[in-house]
PDB file of N, CA and C in Angstrom:
ATOM      1  N   MET A   1     179.236-127.220  54.684  1.00  0.00           N
ATOM      2  CA  MET A   1     180.810-126.406  54.499  1.00  0.00           C
ATOM      3  C   MET A   1     180.317-124.996  53.558  1.00  0.00           C
ATOM      4  N   ILE A   2     179.144-125.231  52.836  1.00  0.00           N
ATOM      5  CA  ILE A   2     178.680-123.614  52.053  1.00  0.00           C
ATOM      6  C   ILE A   2     178.169-122.299  53.070  1.00  0.00           C
ATOM      7  N   PHE A   3     177.418-123.203  54.685  1.00  0.00           N
ATOM      8  CA  PHE A   3     177.231-122.349  55.654  1.00  0.00           C
ATOM      9  C   PHE A   3     178.488-121.730  56.132  1.00  0.00           C
ATOM     10  N   PHE A   4     179.736-122.448  56.186  1.00  0.00           N
ATOM     11  CA  PHE A   4     180.831-122.482  56.863  1.00  0.00           C
ATOM     12  C   PHE A   4     181.377-120.786  55.796  1.00  0.00           C
ATOM     13  N   PHE A   5     181.755-121.246  54.565  1.00  0.00           N
ATOM     14  CA  PHE A   5     182.097-120.091  53.609  1.00  0.00           C
ATOM     15  C   PHE A   5     181.056-119.053  53.783  1.00  0.00           C
ATOM     16  N   ALA A   6     179.677-118.929  53.610  1.00  0.00           N
ATOM     17  CA  ALA A   6     178.918-117.673  53.846  1.00  0.00           C
ATOM     18  C   ALA A   6     179.231-116.951  55.113  1.00  0.00           C
ATOM     19  N   GLU A   7     179.251-117.793  56.046  1.00  0.00           N
ATOM     20  CA  GLU A   7     179.421-116.997  57.380  1.00  0.00           C
ATOM     21  C   GLU A   7     180.965-116.309  57.146  1.00  0.00           C
ATOM     22  N   MET A   8     182.178-116.820  56.803  1.00  0.00           N
ATOM     23  CA  MET A   8     183.251-116.474  56.785  1.00  0.00           C
ATOM     24  C   MET A   8     183.365-115.347  55.828  1.00  0.00           C
ATOM     25  N   ALA A   9     182.251-115.062  54.709  1.00  0.00           N
ATOM     26  CA  ALA A   9     182.530-113.954  54.094  1.00  0.00           C
ATOM     27  C   ALA A   9     181.688-112.755  54.858  1.00  0.00           C
ATOM     28  N   LEU A  10     181.018-112.953  55.811  1.00  0.00           N
ATOM     29  CA  LEU A  10     180.784-111.683  56.683  1.00  0.00           C
ATOM     30  C   LEU A  10     181.790-111.206  57.429  1.00  0.00           C
ATOM     31  N   MET A  11     182.812-111.408  57.277  1.00  0.00           N
ATOM     32  CA  MET A  11     183.849-110.905  58.228  1.00  0.00           C
ATOM     33  C   MET A  11     184.885-110.633  57.135  1.00  0.00           C
ATOM     34  N   GLU A  12     184.829-110.955  55.561  1.00  0.00           N
ATOM     35  CA  GLU A  12     185.676-110.545  54.818  1.00  0.00           C
ATOM     36  C   GLU A  12     185.354-109.009  54.166  1.00  0.00           C
ATOM     37  N   TYR A  13     186.510-108.282  54.587  1.00  0.00           N
ATOM     38  CA  TYR A  13     186.262-106.624  54.405  1.00  0.00           C
ATOM     39  C   TYR A  13     186.050-106.760  52.540  1.00  0.00           C
ATOM     40  N   GLY A  14     186.843-107.504  51.786  1.00  0.00           N
ATOM     41  CA  GLY A  14     186.910-107.275  50.650  1.00  0.00           C
ATOM     42  C   GLY A  14     185.483-107.486  49.720  1.00  0.00           C
ATOM     43  N   LEU A  15     184.661-108.415  50.542  1.00  0.00           N
ATOM     44  CA  LEU A  15     183.451-108.836  50.207  1.00  0.00           C
ATOM     45  C   LEU A  15     182.491-108.254  50.295  1.00  0.00           C
ATOM     46  N   VAL A  16     182.379-107.163  51.256  1.00  0.00           N
ATOM     47  CA  VAL A  16     181.599-106.129  51.552  1.00  0.00           C
ATOM     48  C   VAL A  16     180.921-105.328  50.342  1.00  0.00           C
ATOM     49  N   THR A  17     181.214-105.003  49.519  1.00  0.00           N
ATOM     50  CA  THR A  17     180.608-104.519  48.253  1.00  0.00           C
ATOM     51  C   THR A  17     180.213-105.744  47.092  1.00  0.00           C
ATOM     52  N   VAL A  18     180.212-106.805  47.373  1.00  0.00           N
ATOM     53  CA  VAL A  18     179.676-107.847  46.444  1.00  0.00           C
ATOM     54  C   VAL A  18     178.635-108.384  46.798  1.00  0.00           C
ATOM     55  N   ARG A  19     177.861-108.246  45.506  1.00  0.00           N
ATOM     56  CA  ARG A  19     176.240-108.722  45.676  1.00  0.00           C
ATOM     57  C   ARG A  19     176.212-109.961  46.607  1.00  0.00           C
ATOM     58  N   PRO A  20     175.179-110.075  47.423  1.00  0.00           N
ATOM     59  CA  PRO A  20     174.875-111.242  48.388  1.00  0.00           C
ATOM     60  C   PRO A  20     174.668-112.591  47.187  1.00  0.00           C
ATOM     61  N   SER A  21     174.097-112.472  46.024  1.00  0.00           N
ATOM     62  CA  SER A  21     173.713-113.453  45.430  1.00  0.00           C
ATOM     63  C   SER A  21     175.335-113.844  45.193  1.00  0.00           C
ATOM     64  N   LEU A  22     176.001-113.212  44.537  1.00  0.00           N
ATOM     65  CA  LEU A  22     177.434-113.320  44.094  1.00  0.00           C
ATOM     66  C   LEU A  22     178.198-114.135  44.988  1.00  0.00           C
ATOM     67  N   VAL A  23     178.026-113.337  46.525  1.00  0.00           N
ATOM     68  CA  VAL A  23     179.207-114.196  47.742  1.00  0.00           C
ATOM     69  C   VAL A  23     178.317-115.734  47.873  1.00  0.00           C
ATOM     70  N   ALA A  24     176.886-115.615  47.821  1.00  0.00           N
ATOM     71  CA  ALA A  24     176.290-117.072  48.319  1.00  0.00           C
ATOM     72  C   ALA A  24     176.942-118.200  47.075  1.00  0.00           C
ATOM     73  N   ALA A  25     176.762-117.722  45.579  1.00  0.00           N
ATOM     74  CA  ALA A  25     177.637-118.605  44.505  1.00  0.00           C
ATOM     75  C   ALA A  25     178.852-119.146  45.134  1.00  0.00           C
ATOM     76  N   SER A  26     179.726-117.921  45.549  1.00  0.00           N
ATOM     77  CA  SER A  26     181.168-118.115  45.588  1.00  0.00           C
ATOM     78  C   SER A  26     181.586-119.011  46.621  1.00  0.00           C
ATOM     79  N   ALA A  27     180.457-119.080  47.903  1.00  0.00           N
ATOM     80  CA  ALA A  27     180.534-120.072  48.640  1.00  0.00           C
ATOM     81  C   ALA A  27     180.234-121.354  48.335  1.00  0.00           C
ATOM     82  N   VAL A  28     179.487-121.679  47.693  1.00  0.00           N
ATOM     83  CA  VAL A  28     179.178-123.006  46.568  1.00  0.00           C
ATOM     84  C   VAL A  28     180.240-123.258  46.152  1.00  0.00           C
ATOM     85  N   TYR A  29     181.087-122.383  45.461  1.00  0.00           N
ATOM     86  CA  TYR A  29     181.911-122.601  44.706  1.00  0.00           C
ATOM     87  C   TYR A  29     183.345-123.112  45.504  1.00  0.00           C
ATOM     88  N   ALA A  30     183.654-122.200  46.358  1.00  0.00           N
ATOM     89  CA  ALA A  30     184.531-122.752  47.365  1.00  0.00           C
ATOM     90  C   ALA A  30     184.305-123.720  47.978  1.00  0.00           C
ATOM     91  N   ALA A  31     183.094-124.420  48.385  1.00  0.00           N
ATOM     92  CA  ALA A  31     183.021-125.840  49.213  1.00  0.00           C
ATOM     93  C   ALA A  31     183.205-126.529  47.768  1.00  0.00           C
ATOM     94  N   ARG A  32     182.609-126.415  47.080  1.00  0.00           N
ATOM     95  CA  ARG A  32     182.922-127.479  45.986  1.00  0.00           C
ATOM     96  C   ARG A  32     184.490-127.881  45.599  1.00  0.00           C
ATOM     97  N   CYS A  33     185.253-126.699  45.736  1.00  0.00           N
ATOM     98  CA  CYS A  33     186.661-126.798  45.447  1.00  0.00           C
ATOM     99  C   CYS A  33     187.442-127.172  46.559  1.00  0.00           C
ATOM    100  N   THR A  34     186.866-127.302  47.860  1.00  0.00           N
ATOM    101  CA  THR A  34     187.346-127.646  49.070  1.00  0.00           C
ATOM    102  C   THR A  34     186.789-129.225  49.102  1.00  0.00           C
ATOM    103  N   LEU A  35     186.084-129.606  48.425  1.00  0.00           N
ATOM    104  CA  LEU A  35     185.198-130.764  48.743  1.00  0.00           C
ATOM    105  C   LEU A  35     185.869-131.686  47.536  1.00  0.00           C
ATOM    106  N   LYS A  36     186.520-131.198  46.839  1.00  0.00           N
ATOM    107  CA  LYS A  36     187.089-131.538  45.266  1.00  0.00           C
ATOM    108  C   LYS A  36     186.021-131.996  44.298  1.00  0.00           C
ATOM    109  N   ARG A  37     185.145-131.537  44.386  1.00  0.00           N
ATOM    110  CA  ARG A  37     183.877-132.152  43.509  1.00  0.00           C
ATOM    111  C   ARG A  37     184.293-131.286  42.253  1.00  0.00           C
ATOM    112  N   SER A  38     184.234-132.694  41.040  1.00  0.00           N
ATOM    113  CA  SER A  38     184.094-132.745  39.902  1.00  0.00           C
ATOM    114  C   SER A  38     182.690-132.843  38.721  1.00  0.00           C
ATOM    115  N   PRO A  39     182.900-131.992  37.976  1.00  0.00           N
ATOM    116  CA  PRO A  39     183.230-130.363  37.837  1.00  0.00           C
ATOM    117  C   PRO A  39     182.859-129.509  39.026  1.00  0.00           C
ATOM    118  N   VAL A  40     183.683-128.653  39.126  1.00  0.00           N
ATOM    119  CA  VAL A  40     183.251-127.396  40.558  1.00  0.00           C
ATOM    120  C   VAL A  40     182.362-126.777  39.822  1.00  0.00           C
ATOM    121  N   TRP A  41     182.128-126.782  39.013  1.00  0.00           N
ATOM    122  CA  TRP A  41     181.202-125.369  38.651  1.00  0.00           C
ATOM    123  C   TRP A  41     180.582-126.210  37.069  1.00  0.00           C
ATOM    124  N   THR A  42     178.867-126.361  37.475  1.00  0.00           N
ATOM    125  CA  THR A  42     178.165-127.131  36.499  1.00  0.00           C
ATOM    126  C   THR A  42     177.245-126.197  35.763  1.00  0.00           C
ATOM    127  N   GLU A  43     176.625-126.901  34.841  1.00  0.00           N
ATOM    128  CA  GLU A  43     176.166-126.065  33.477  1.00  0.00           C
ATOM    129  C   GLU A  43     174.508-125.483  34.554  1.00  0.00           C
ATOM    130  N   THR A  44     174.106-126.529  35.224  1.00  0.00           N
ATOM    131  CA  THR A  44     173.070-126.728  36.023  1.00  0.00           C
ATOM    132  C   THR A  44     173.121-125.579  37.435  1.00  0.00           C
ATOM    133  N   LEU A  45     174.518-125.399  37.594  1.00  0.00           N
ATOM    134  CA  LEU A  45     174.734-124.603  39.014  1.00  0.00           C
ATOM    135  C   LEU A  45     174.855-122.999  38.405  1.00  0.00           C
ATOM    136  N   LYS A  46     175.202-122.958  37.265  1.00  0.00           N
ATOM    137  CA  LYS A  46     175.283-121.736  36.389  1.00  0.00           C
ATOM    138  C   LYS A  46     173.794-121.338  36.277  1.00  0.00           C
ATOM    139  N   HIS A  47     172.976-122.271  35.434  1.00  0.00           N
ATOM    140  CA  HIS A  47     171.435-121.734  35.257  1.00  0.00           C
ATOM    141  C   HIS A  47     171.038-121.252  36.741  1.00  0.00           C
ATOM    142  N   HIS A  48     170.877-122.188  37.858  1.00  0.00           N
ATOM    143  CA  HIS A  48     170.361-121.704  38.915  1.00  0.00           C
ATOM    144  C   HIS A  48     170.752-120.347  39.641  1.00  0.00           C
ATOM    145  N   THR A  49     172.207-120.150  39.583  1.00  0.00           N
ATOM    146  CA  THR A  49     172.523-118.857  40.448  1.00  0.00           C
ATOM    147  C   THR A  49     172.830-117.923  39.037  1.00  0.00           C
ATOM    148  N   GLY A  50     172.656-118.137  38.314  1.00  0.00           N
ATOM    149  CA  GLY A  50     173.192-117.125  36.892  1.00  0.00           C
ATOM    150  C   GLY A  50     174.464-116.429  36.802  1.00  0.00           C
ATOM    151  N   PHE A  51     175.477-117.425  37.643  1.00  0.00           N
ATOM    152  CA  PHE A  51     177.104-116.819  37.554  1.00  0.00           C
ATOM    153  C   PHE A  51     177.977-117.736  36.576  1.00  0.00           C
ATOM    154  N   ALA A  52     178.218-117.237  36.122  1.00  0.00           N
ATOM    155  CA  ALA A  52     179.510-118.365  35.345  1.00  0.00           C
ATOM    156  C   ALA A  52     180.607-118.489  36.154  1.00  0.00           C
ATOM    157  N   GLU A  53     181.524-119.468  35.770  1.00  0.00           N
ATOM    158  CA  GLU A  53     182.530-119.977  36.633  1.00  0.00           C
ATOM    159  C   GLU A  53     183.626-118.541  36.898  1.00  0.00           C
ATOM    160  N   PRO A  54     184.050-117.925  35.645  1.00  0.00           N
ATOM    161  CA  PRO A  54     184.790-116.740  35.793  1.00  0.00           C
ATOM    162  C   PRO A  54     184.148-115.460  36.775  1.00  0.00           C
ATOM    163  N   GLN A  55     183.193-115.664  37.029  1.00  0.00           N
ATOM    164  CA  GLN A  55     182.446-114.542  37.882  1.00  0.00           C
ATOM    165  C   GLN A  55     183.007-114.767  39.322  1.00  0.00           C
ATOM    166  N   LEU A  56     183.109-115.717  39.421  1.00  0.00           N
ATOM    167  CA  LEU A  56     182.977-116.432  41.059  1.00  0.00           C
ATOM    168  C   LEU A  56     184.586-116.941  41.502  1.00  0.00           C
ATOM    169  N   LEU A  57     185.577-116.697  40.612  1.00  0.00           N
ATOM    170  CA  LEU A  57     186.689-116.877  41.027  1.00  0.00           C
ATOM    171  C   LEU A  57     187.374-115.935  42.119  1.00  0.00           C
ATOM    172  N   GLU A  58     187.031-114.485  41.950  1.00  0.00           N
ATOM    173  CA  GLU A  58     187.650-113.670  42.755  1.00  0.00           C
ATOM    174  C   GLU A  58     187.193-113.877  44.253  1.00  0.00           C
ATOM    175  N   PRO A  59     185.669-113.677  44.178  1.00  0.00           N
ATOM    176  CA  PRO A  59     185.204-113.930  45.589  1.00  0.00           C
ATOM    177  C   PRO A  59     185.409-115.399  46.330  1.00  0.00           C
ATOM    178  N   ALA A  60     185.630-116.196  45.339  1.00  0.00           N
ATOM    179  CA  ALA A  60     185.763-118.015  46.179  1.00  0.00           C
ATOM    180  C   ALA A  60     187.320-117.785  46.468  1.00  0.00           C
ATOM    181  N   LYS A  61     188.224-117.042  45.706  1.00  0.00           N
ATOM    182  CA  LYS A  61     189.832-117.405  46.085  1.00  0.00           C
ATOM    183  C   LYS A  61     189.715-116.360  47.570  1.00  0.00           C
ATOM    184  N   MET A  62     188.888-115.570  47.987  1.00  0.00           N
ATOM    185  CA  MET A  62     188.919-114.826  48.870  1.00  0.00           C
ATOM    186  C   MET A  62     188.572-115.668  50.558  1.00  0.00           C
ATOM    187  N   LEU A  63     187.765-116.301  49.992  1.00  0.00           N
ATOM    188  CA  LEU A  63     187.006-117.109  51.109  1.00  0.00           C
ATOM    189  C   LEU A  63     187.965-118.035  51.297  1.00  0.00           C
ATOM    190  N   VAL A  64     188.678-119.183  50.363  1.00  0.00           N
ATOM    191  CA  VAL A  64     189.431-119.971  50.401  1.00  0.00           C
ATOM    192  C   VAL A  64     190.688-119.517  51.329  1.00  0.00           C
ATOM    193  N   MET A  65     191.084-118.063  51.213  1.00  0.00           N
ATOM    194  CA  MET A  65     192.294-117.502  51.647  1.00  0.00           C
ATOM    195  C   MET A  65     191.799-117.265  52.978  1.00  0.00           C
ATOM    196  N   ALA A  66     190.757-116.771  53.316  1.00  0.00           N
ATOM    197  CA  ALA A  66     190.013-116.861  54.992  1.00  0.00           C
ATOM    198  C   ALA A  66     190.088-118.148  55.470  1.00  0.00           C
ATOM    199  N   HIS A  67     189.621-119.413  55.100  1.00  0.00           N
ATOM    200  CA  HIS A  67     189.398-120.592  55.488  1.00  0.00           C
ATOM    201  C   HIS A  67     191.004-120.759  56.079  1.00  0.00           C
ATOM    202  N   ALA A  68     191.925-120.958  55.005  1.00  0.00           N
ATOM    203  CA  ALA A  68     193.279-120.665  55.566  1.00  0.00           C
ATOM    204  C   ALA A  68     194.066-120.252  56.257  1.00  0.00           C
ATOM    205  N   ALA A  69     193.380-119.279  56.602  1.00  0.00           N
ATOM    206  CA  ALA A  69     193.967-118.188  57.502  1.00  0.00           C
ATOM    207  C   ALA A  69     193.182-118.312  58.859  1.00  0.00           C
ATOM    208  N   ALA A  70     192.298-118.954  58.604  1.00  0.00           N
ATOM    209  CA  ALA A  70     190.994-118.722  60.009  1.00  0.00           C
ATOM    210  C   ALA A  70     191.927-119.881  61.229  1.00  0.00           C
ATOM    211  N   PRO A  71     192.444-120.924  61.389  1.00  0.00           N
ATOM    212  CA  PRO A  71     193.137-120.879  62.516  1.00  0.00           C
ATOM    213  C   PRO A  71     193.886-119.997  63.273  1.00  0.00           C
ATOM    214  N   GLU A  72     195.070-119.206  62.181  1.00  0.00           N
ATOM    215  CA  GLU A  72     195.727-117.974  62.944  1.00  0.00           C
ATOM    216  C   GLU A  72     195.188-116.908  63.195  1.00  0.00           C
ATOM    217  N   SER A  73     193.733-116.666  63.031  1.00  0.00           N
ATOM    218  CA  SER A  73     193.164-115.839  63.085  1.00  0.00           C
ATOM    219  C   SER A  73     192.762-115.051  64.429  1.00  0.00           C
ATOM    220  N   LYS A  74     192.874-113.877  64.754  1.00  0.00           N
ATOM    221  CA  LYS A  74     192.105-113.305  65.871  1.00  0.00           C
ATOM    222  C   LYS A  74     190.758-113.492  66.338  1.00  0.00           C
ATOM    223  N   LEU A  75     190.018-113.592  65.134  1.00  0.00           N
ATOM    224  CA  LEU A  75     188.469-113.734  65.266  1.00  0.00           C
ATOM    225  C   LEU A  75     188.467-115.498  64.724  1.00  0.00           C
ATOM    226  N   LYS A  76     188.279-115.983  65.601  1.00  0.00           N
ATOM    227  CA  LYS A  76     187.988-117.407  65.470  1.00  0.00           C
ATOM    228  C   LYS A  76     186.613-118.153  65.706  1.00  0.00           C
ATOM    229  N   ALA A  77     185.794-117.377  65.898  1.00  0.00           N
ATOM    230  CA  ALA A  77     184.280-117.786  66.800  1.00  0.00           C
ATOM    231  C   ALA A  77     183.930-118.993  65.571  1.00  0.00           C
ATOM    232  N   ILE A  78     183.917-118.509  64.520  1.00  0.00           N
ATOM    233  CA  ILE A  78     183.260-118.990  62.929  1.00  0.00           C
ATOM    234  C   ILE A  78     184.141-120.448  62.783  1.00  0.00           C
ATOM    235  N   TYR A  79     185.199-120.142  62.806  1.00  0.00           N
ATOM    236  CA  TYR A  79     186.419-121.721  62.882  1.00  0.00           C
ATOM    237  C   TYR A  79     185.889-122.443  63.779  1.00  0.00           C
ATOM    238  N   LYS A  80     185.789-121.960  65.205  1.00  0.00           N
ATOM    239  CA  LYS A  80     185.383-122.783  66.365  1.00  0.00           C
ATOM    240  C   LYS A  80     183.938-123.299  66.154  1.00  0.00           C
ATOM    241  N   LYS A  81     183.070-122.553  65.874  1.00  0.00           N
ATOM    242  CA  LYS A  81     181.772-123.002  65.567  1.00  0.00           C
ATOM    243  C   LYS A  81     181.904-124.089  64.679  1.00  0.00           C
ATOM    244  N   TYR A  82     182.261-124.143  63.367  1.00  0.00           N
ATOM    245  CA  TYR A  82     182.273-125.056  62.585  1.00  0.00           C
ATOM    246  C   TYR A  82     183.362-126.150  62.712  1.00  0.00           C
ATOM    247  N   SER A  83     184.189-126.428  63.670  1.00  0.00           N
ATOM    248  CA  SER A  83     184.796-127.253  63.982  1.00  0.00           C
ATOM    249  C   SER A  83     184.325-128.634  64.803  1.00  0.00           C
ATOM    250  N   CYS A  84     183.119-128.086  65.177  1.00  0.00           N
ATOM    251  CA  CYS A  84     182.222-128.903  66.055  1.00  0.00           C
ATOM    252  C   CYS A  84     181.537-130.022  65.082  1.00  0.00           C
ATOM    253  N   GLU A  85     181.425-131.421  66.059  1.00  0.00           N
ATOM    254  CA  GLU A  85     180.779-132.330  65.344  1.00  0.00           C
ATOM    255  C   GLU A  85     179.597-131.810  65.034  1.00  0.00           C
ATOM    256  N   GLN A  86     178.613-131.040  65.427  1.00  0.00           N
ATOM    257  CA  GLN A  86     177.524-130.554  65.128  1.00  0.00           C
ATOM    258  C   GLN A  86     177.464-130.130  64.179  1.00  0.00           C
ATOM    259  N   TYR A  87     178.456-129.646  63.508  1.00  0.00           N
ATOM    260  CA  TYR A  87     178.431-128.563  62.187  1.00  0.00           C
ATOM    261  C   TYR A  87     179.531-129.496  61.235  1.00  0.00           C
ATOM    262  N   GLY A  88     179.581-130.716  61.492  1.00  0.00           N
ATOM    263  CA  GLY A  88     180.348-131.528  60.737  1.00  0.00           C
ATOM    264  C   GLY A  88     181.900-131.379  60.386  1.00  0.00           C
ATOM    265  N   ARG A  89     182.358-130.676  61.400  1.00  0.00           N
ATOM    266  CA  ARG A  89     183.964-130.182  61.464  1.00  0.00           C
ATOM    267  C   ARG A  89     184.224-129.812  60.083  1.00  0.00           C
ATOM    268  N   VAL A  90     183.688-129.444  59.170  1.00  0.00           N
ATOM    269  CA  VAL A  90     184.000-128.623  58.178  1.00  0.00           C
ATOM    270  C   VAL A  90     185.106-127.891  58.046  1.00  0.00           C
ATOM    271  N   SER A  91     185.366-126.967  59.021  1.00  0.00           N
ATOM    272  CA  SER A  91     186.334-125.663  59.492  1.00  0.00           C
ATOM    273  C   SER A  91     187.391-126.646  59.304  1.00  0.00           C
ATOM    274  N   LEU A  92     187.645-127.609  59.582  1.00  0.00           N
ATOM    275  CA  LEU A  92     188.948-128.471  60.267  1.00  0.00           C
ATOM    276  C   LEU A  92     189.439-129.353  58.538  1.00  0.00           C
ATOM    277  N   ARG A  93     188.828-129.497  57.601  1.00  0.00           N
ATOM    278  CA  ARG A  93     189.407-129.621  56.483  1.00  0.00           C
ATOM    279  C   ARG A  93     190.103-128.785  55.807  1.00  0.00           C
ATOM    280  N   PRO A  94     191.348-129.749  55.222  1.00  0.00           N
ATOM    281  CA  PRO A  94     192.308-128.697  54.448  1.00  0.00           C
ATOM    282  C   PRO A  94     191.706-127.569  53.294  1.00  0.00           C
ATOM    283  N   PRO A  95     191.623-126.007  53.278  1.00  0.00           N
ATOM    284  CA  PRO A  95     191.525-125.326  52.133  1.00  0.00           C
ATOM    285  C   PRO A  95     191.943-126.036  51.174  1.00  0.00           C
ATOM    286  N   ALA A  96     190.724-125.748  50.139  1.00  0.00           N
ATOM    287  CA  ALA A  96     190.679-126.042  48.466  1.00  0.00           C
ATOM    288  C   ALA A  96     192.191-125.896  47.987  1.00  0.00           C
ATOM    289  N   VAL A  97     192.839-127.002  47.113  1.00  0.00           N
ATOM    290  CA  VAL A  97     193.760-126.725  46.627  1.00  0.00           C
ATOM    291  C   VAL A  97     193.583-127.514  45.329  1.00  0.00           C
ATOM    292  N   ALA A  98     192.323-128.325  45.225  1.00  0.00           N
ATOM    293  CA  ALA A  98     192.319-128.935  44.098  1.00  0.00           C
ATOM    294  C   ALA A  98     191.970-128.526  42.750  1.00  0.00           C
ATOM    295  N   ALA A  99     191.911-127.080  42.820  1.00  0.00           N
ATOM    296  CA  ALA A  99     191.837-126.433  41.657  1.00  0.00           C
ATOM    297  C   ALA A  99     192.705-124.992  41.259  1.00  0.00           C
ATOM    298  N   PRO A 100     193.885-125.350  41.606  1.00  0.00           N
ATOM    299  CA  PRO A 100     194.756-124.295  41.900  1.00  0.00           C
ATOM    300  C   PRO A 100     194.865-123.404  40.905  1.00  0.00           C
ATOM    301  N   GLN A 101     194.695-123.922  39.524  1.00  0.00           N
ATOM    302  CA  GLN A 101     194.923-122.972  38.169  1.00  0.00           C
ATOM    303  C   GLN A 101     193.400-121.833  37.797  1.00  0.00           C
ATOM    304  N   ARG A 102     192.330-122.398  38.805  1.00  0.00           N
ATOM    305  CA  ARG A 102     191.171-121.696  39.139  1.00  0.00           C
ATOM    306  C   ARG A 102     191.338-120.743  40.240  1.00  0.00           C
ATOM    307  N   LEU A 103     191.823-121.107  41.160  1.00  0.00           N
ATOM    308  CA  LEU A 103     191.908-120.116  42.326  1.00  0.00           C
ATOM    309  C   LEU A 103     193.041-119.698  42.845  1.00  0.00           C
ATOM    310  N   ALA A 104     194.239-119.866  42.075  1.00  0.00           N
ATOM    311  CA  ALA A 104     195.566-119.397  42.297  1.00  0.00           C
ATOM    312  C   ALA A 104     195.590-117.553  41.731  1.00  0.00           C
TER     313      ALA A 104
END
């Protein structure tokens, strides 16, 4: 799931100027929201990434929105790739809504 979000980030114009380390951490955050992990962001994740949850909200929101729009997008290569069994069909999971107060 994290790889799916990381690849989706490559196609998001709004993330072009975002540091790669922040994009990577946001991919983890978006994946944890999508998979309904609780807590979404732990002290361990904060320690290892160097990012606090508020820093991840905007980039993660962009990734979740890209995931939601992917089935209707003209550029479907990543969506199709991650809909295969080889990649766990992660793109077919419903987009994150578990933390609407965080990602809204």
